[in-house]
C-alpha atoms as a PDB file:
ATOM      1  CA  UNK A   1      72.660  29.058  37.585  1.00  0.00           C
ATOM      2  CA  UNK A   2      72.467  26.850  34.435  1.00  0.00           C
ATOM      3  CA  UNK A   3      69.302  25.861  33.441  1.00  0.00           C
ATOM      4  CA  UNK A   4      70.360  22.491  32.329  1.00  0.00           C
ATOM      5  CA  UNK A   5      66.192  21.431  31.665  1.00  0.00           C
ATOM      6  CA  UNK A   6      66.629  24.138  28.318  1.00  0.00           C
ATOM      7  CA  UNK A   7      70.230  23.172  27.331  1.00  0.00           C
ATOM      8  CA  UNK A   8      68.374  19.460  27.326  1.00  0.00           C
ATOM      9  CA  UNK A   9      65.505  20.630  24.484  1.00  0.00           C
ATOM     10  CA  UNK A  10      67.913  22.329  22.943  1.00  0.00           C
ATOM     11  CA  UNK A  11      70.163  19.068  22.722  1.00  0.00           C
ATOM     12  CA  UNK A  12      67.369  17.452  21.853  1.00  0.00           C
ATOM     13  CA  UNK A  13      65.851  19.353  19.278  1.00  0.00           C
ATOM     14  CA  UNK A  14      69.780  19.726  18.067  1.00  0.00           C
ATOM     15  CA  UNK A  15      69.690  15.787  18.288  1.00  0.00           C
ATOM     16  CA  UNK A  16      66.673  15.274  16.223  1.00  0.00           C
ATOM     17  CA  UNK A  17      66.330  17.724  13.608  1.00  0.00           C
ATOM     18  CA  UNK A  18      70.051  15.992  12.717  1.00  0.00           C
ATOM     19  CA  UNK A  19      68.727  12.924  12.367  1.00  0.00           C
ATOM     20  CA  UNK A  20      65.521  14.249  10.022  1.00  0.00           C
ATOM     21  CA  UNK A  21      68.766  15.456   8.019  1.00  0.00           C
ATOM     22  CA  UNK A  22      70.016  12.817   7.523  1.00  0.00           C
ATOM     23  CA  UNK A  23      66.747  10.675   6.857  1.00  0.00           C
ATOM     24  CA  UNK A  24      65.948  13.933   4.312  1.00  0.00           C
ATOM     25  CA  UNK A  25      68.623  13.135   2.151  1.00  0.00           C
ATOM     26  CA  UNK A  26      68.879   9.533   2.138  1.00  0.00           C
ATOM     27  CA  UNK A  27      65.193  10.272   0.553  1.00  0.00           C
ATOM     28  CA  UNK A  28      64.796  13.172  -2.127  1.00  0.00           C
ATOM     29  CA  UNK A  29      61.320  11.799  -2.449  1.00  0.00           C
ATOM     30  CA  UNK A  30      59.780  11.761   1.266  1.00  0.00           C
ATOM     31  CA  UNK A  31      62.193  15.760   1.236  1.00  0.00           C
ATOM     32  CA  UNK A  32      59.618  16.539  -1.687  1.00  0.00           C
ATOM     33  CA  UNK A  33      56.616  14.935  -0.162  1.00  0.00           C
ATOM     34  CA  UNK A  34      57.278  16.694   3.214  1.00  0.00           C
ATOM     35  CA  UNK A  35      57.745  19.984   2.127  1.00  0.00           C
ATOM     36  CA  UNK A  36      54.736  19.880   0.207  1.00  0.00           C
ATOM     37  CA  UNK A  37      52.807  18.764   2.327  1.00  0.00           C
ATOM     38  CA  UNK A  38      53.529  21.409   4.353  1.00  0.00           C
ATOM     39  CA  UNK A  39      52.686  24.107   1.872  1.00  0.00           C
ATOM     40  CA  UNK A  40      49.247  22.770   1.763  1.00  0.00           C
ATOM     41  CA  UNK A  41      49.363  22.715   5.186  1.00  0.00           C
ATOM     42  CA  UNK A  42      49.659  26.566   5.214  1.00  0.00           C
ATOM     43  CA  UNK A  43      47.088  27.067   2.090  1.00  0.00           C
ATOM     44  CA  UNK A  44      44.337  25.155   4.354  1.00  0.00           C
ATOM     45  CA  UNK A  45      45.202  27.607   7.622  1.00  0.00           C
ATOM     46  CA  UNK A  46      44.983  31.040   5.241  1.00  0.00           C
ATOM     47  CA  UNK A  47      41.524  29.513   3.718  1.00  0.00           C
ATOM     48  CA  UNK A  48      40.490  28.594   7.005  1.00  0.00           C
ATOM     49  CA  UNK A  49      41.436  32.621   7.891  1.00  0.00           C
ATOM     50  CA  UNK A  50      39.892  33.734   4.740  1.00  0.00           C
ATOM     51  CA  UNK A  51      36.941  31.940   5.317  1.00  0.00           C
ATOM     52  CA  UNK A  52      36.172  33.058   8.900  1.00  0.00           C
ATOM     53  CA  UNK A  53      36.909  36.118   8.259  1.00  0.00           C
ATOM     54  CA  UNK A  54      34.589  36.403   5.169  1.00  0.00           C
ATOM     55  CA  UNK A  55      32.110  35.312   7.273  1.00  0.00           C
ATOM     56  CA  UNK A  56      32.865  37.604  10.570  1.00  0.00           C
ATOM     57  CA  UNK A  57      32.327  40.757   7.921  1.00  0.00           C
ATOM     58  CA  UNK A  58      28.837  39.121   6.814  1.00  0.00           C
ATOM     59  CA  UNK A  59      27.851  38.775   9.811  1.00  0.00           C
ATOM     60  CA  UNK A  60      28.934  41.977  10.909  1.00  0.00           C
ATOM     61  CA  UNK A  61      26.721  43.952   7.297  1.00  0.00           C
ATOM     62  CA  UNK A  62      23.499  42.069   8.246  1.00  0.00           C
ATOM     63  CA  UNK A  63      23.345  42.868  11.903  1.00  0.00           C
ATOM     64  CA  UNK A  64      24.431  46.743  10.386  1.00  0.00           C
ATOM     65  CA  UNK A  65      21.434  46.453   8.568  1.00  0.00           C
END
């Protein structure tokens, strides 16, 4: 028995990826912009995680004293 839902999702994903690849090839500046926005999002996530870790460490140190 084949899982047709999974196959359909894979096919849809491939179709979407292929359509996006064609768009990126047509507009290299949009590709660069997209890449930089992704990098910025990763940096923001890392910064948020680091700030949260620092806050938790600060609260932990305060409760010990």
